[in-house]
Amino acid sequence: MSDAAIFVVVFVGLFIARICAATLVFYLILPRGDRCPNCDAPTIRVQSAGMNRLMPWFRTSWCMACNWSGVLRHGPLSPEPTQAEVTHHK
């Protein structure tokens, strides 16, 4: 194999490895569950046909408390408030 081919194979391999490592790190820093990363309030799921079809392992969400919108990883959901908690806060 020529020196130019070895050079191309090594640098293309390093480029692909860098993209894979960055993707993995960004995936792991996304929070799991349905809590807002800004204010820790429960978020609601937003229907996004394109995003959900391309990347089903993400959860498109919107926070009603601070108006944050983005993606989260699937994980544990917050428990729904009981009837006593709902009437107590009114």
C-alpha atoms as a PDB file:
ATOM      1  CA  MET A   1       0.000   0.000   0.000  1.00  0.00           C
ATOM      2  CA  SER A   2       1.324   3.422  -0.854  1.00  0.00           C
ATOM      3  CA  ASP A   3       2.139   6.089   1.695  1.00  0.00           C
ATOM      4  CA  ALA A   4      -0.681   8.312   0.430  1.00  0.00           C
ATOM      5  CA  ALA A   5      -3.273   5.551   0.906  1.00  0.00           C
ATOM      6  CA  ILE A   6      -2.054   4.832   4.443  1.00  0.00           C
ATOM      7  CA  PHE A   7      -2.203   8.554   5.223  1.00  0.00           C
ATOM      8  CA  VAL A   8      -5.791   8.817   3.931  1.00  0.00           C
ATOM      9  CA  VAL A   9      -6.946   5.687   5.790  1.00  0.00           C
ATOM     10  CA  VAL A  10      -5.437   6.856   9.102  1.00  0.00           C
ATOM     11  CA  PHE A  11      -6.855  10.388   8.932  1.00  0.00           C
ATOM     12  CA  VAL A  12     -10.293   9.288   7.735  1.00  0.00           C
ATOM     13  CA  GLY A  13     -10.341   6.742  10.572  1.00  0.00           C
ATOM     14  CA  LEU A  14      -9.390   9.421  13.113  1.00  0.00           C
ATOM     15  CA  PHE A  15     -12.062  11.750  11.720  1.00  0.00           C
ATOM     16  CA  ILE A  16     -14.753   9.065  12.019  1.00  0.00           C
ATOM     17  CA  ALA A  17     -13.596   8.132  15.538  1.00  0.00           C
ATOM     18  CA  ARG A  18     -13.809  11.789  16.598  1.00  0.00           C
ATOM     19  CA  ILE A  19     -17.374  12.092  15.284  1.00  0.00           C
ATOM     20  CA  CYS A  20     -18.404   8.874  17.070  1.00  0.00           C
ATOM     21  CA  ALA A  21     -16.826   9.998  20.366  1.00  0.00           C
ATOM     22  CA  ALA A  22     -18.479  13.443  20.221  1.00  0.00           C
ATOM     23  CA  THR A  23     -21.874  11.891  19.449  1.00  0.00           C
ATOM     24  CA  LEU A  24     -21.556   9.489  22.372  1.00  0.00           C
ATOM     25  CA  VAL A  25     -20.544  12.264  24.801  1.00  0.00           C
ATOM     26  CA  PHE A  26     -23.412  14.537  23.724  1.00  0.00           C
ATOM     27  CA  TYR A  27     -25.864  11.643  24.060  1.00  0.00           C
ATOM     28  CA  LEU A  28     -24.651  10.851  27.575  1.00  0.00           C
ATOM     29  CA  ILE A  29     -24.879  14.459  28.821  1.00  0.00           C
ATOM     30  CA  LEU A  30     -28.567  14.722  27.838  1.00  0.00           C
ATOM     31  CA  PRO A  31     -30.726  14.264  30.938  1.00  0.00           C
ATOM     32  CA  ARG A  32     -32.908  11.154  31.331  1.00  0.00           C
ATOM     33  CA  GLY A  33     -36.582  11.322  32.182  1.00  0.00           C
ATOM     34  CA  ASP A  34     -39.047  14.155  31.861  1.00  0.00           C
ATOM     35  CA  ARG A  35     -37.514  16.833  34.124  1.00  0.00           C
ATOM     36  CA  CYS A  36     -36.490  20.203  32.656  1.00  0.00           C
ATOM     37  CA  PRO A  37     -32.705  20.755  32.667  1.00  0.00           C
ATOM     38  CA  ASN A  38     -33.234  24.475  33.476  1.00  0.00           C
ATOM     39  CA  CYS A  39     -35.810  24.520  36.283  1.00  0.00           C
ATOM     40  CA  ASP A  40     -36.341  20.812  37.178  1.00  0.00           C
ATOM     41  CA  ALA A  41     -40.098  21.024  36.515  1.00  0.00           C
ATOM     42  CA  PRO A  42     -41.854  18.189  34.697  1.00  0.00           C
ATOM     43  CA  THR A  43     -41.970  18.666  30.933  1.00  0.00           C
ATOM     44  CA  ILE A  44     -44.573  17.562  28.437  1.00  0.00           C
ATOM     45  CA  ARG A  45     -43.835  15.533  25.358  1.00  0.00           C
ATOM     46  CA  VAL A  46     -44.100  17.429  22.063  1.00  0.00           C
ATOM     47  CA  GLN A  47     -45.068  15.544  18.923  1.00  0.00           C
ATOM     48  CA  SER A  48     -42.374  16.092  16.306  1.00  0.00           C
ATOM     49  CA  ALA A  49     -42.884  13.736  13.382  1.00  0.00           C
ATOM     50  CA  GLY A  50     -39.512  14.374  11.748  1.00  0.00           C
ATOM     51  CA  MET A  51     -37.421  14.255  14.908  1.00  0.00           C
ATOM     52  CA  ASN A  52     -39.227  11.235  16.349  1.00  0.00           C
ATOM     53  CA  ARG A  53     -38.895   9.322  13.093  1.00  0.00           C
ATOM     54  CA  LEU A  54     -35.195  10.136  12.572  1.00  0.00           C
ATOM     55  CA  MET A  55     -34.093   9.696  16.195  1.00  0.00           C
ATOM     56  CA  PRO A  56     -36.606   7.621  18.182  1.00  0.00           C
ATOM     57  CA  TRP A  57     -34.226   7.240  21.139  1.00  0.00           C
ATOM     58  CA  PHE A  58     -34.791  10.930  22.031  1.00  0.00           C
ATOM     59  CA  ARG A  59     -37.856  12.491  23.657  1.00  0.00           C
ATOM     60  CA  THR A  60     -38.858  15.924  22.310  1.00  0.00           C
ATOM     61  CA  SER A  61     -40.073  17.960  25.284  1.00  0.00           C
ATOM     62  CA  TRP A  62     -41.334  21.382  26.323  1.00  0.00           C
ATOM     63  CA  CYS A  63     -41.364  22.908  29.810  1.00  0.00           C
ATOM     64  CA  MET A  64     -44.438  24.952  30.702  1.00  0.00           C
ATOM     65  CA  ALA A  65     -42.680  26.600  33.664  1.00  0.00           C
ATOM     66  CA  CYS A  66     -39.675  28.196  31.911  1.00  0.00           C
ATOM     67  CA  ASN A  67     -40.606  27.733  28.207  1.00  0.00           C
ATOM     68  CA  TRP A  68     -37.593  25.486  27.505  1.00  0.00           C
ATOM     69  CA  SER A  69     -37.878  23.132  24.536  1.00  0.00           C
ATOM     70  CA  GLY A  70     -35.442  20.469  23.468  1.00  0.00           C
ATOM     71  CA  VAL A  71     -34.664  16.785  23.548  1.00  0.00           C
ATOM     72  CA  LEU A  72     -34.226  14.427  26.488  1.00  0.00           C
ATOM     73  CA  ARG A  73     -33.349  10.765  26.750  1.00  0.00           C
ATOM     74  CA  HIS A  74     -36.099   8.317  27.607  1.00  0.00           C
ATOM     75  CA  GLY A  75     -36.141   7.529  31.307  1.00  0.00           C
ATOM     76  CA  PRO A  76     -38.274   7.528  34.438  1.00  0.00           C
ATOM     77  CA  LEU A  77     -41.310   9.817  34.349  1.00  0.00           C
ATOM     78  CA  SER A  78     -42.388  12.042  37.222  1.00  0.00           C
ATOM     79  CA  PRO A  79     -45.371  10.735  39.196  1.00  0.00           C
ATOM     80  CA  GLU A  80     -48.629  12.513  38.480  1.00  0.00           C
ATOM     81  CA  PRO A  81     -49.926  14.619  41.386  1.00  0.00           C
ATOM     82  CA  THR A  82     -52.697  13.155  43.487  1.00  0.00           C
ATOM     83  CA  GLN A  83     -56.113  14.814  43.712  1.00  0.00           C
ATOM     84  CA  ALA A  84     -55.236  16.176  47.174  1.00  0.00           C
ATOM     85  CA  GLU A  85     -52.106  17.896  45.820  1.00  0.00           C
ATOM     86  CA  VAL A  86     -54.018  19.388  42.892  1.00  0.00           C
ATOM     87  CA  THR A  87     -56.753  20.896  45.085  1.00  0.00           C
ATOM     88  CA  HIS A  88     -54.232  22.033  47.733  1.00  0.00           C
ATOM     89  CA  HIS A  89     -52.322  24.213  45.243  1.00  0.00           C
ATOM     90  CA  LYS A  90     -55.399  26.040  43.939  1.00  0.00           C
END
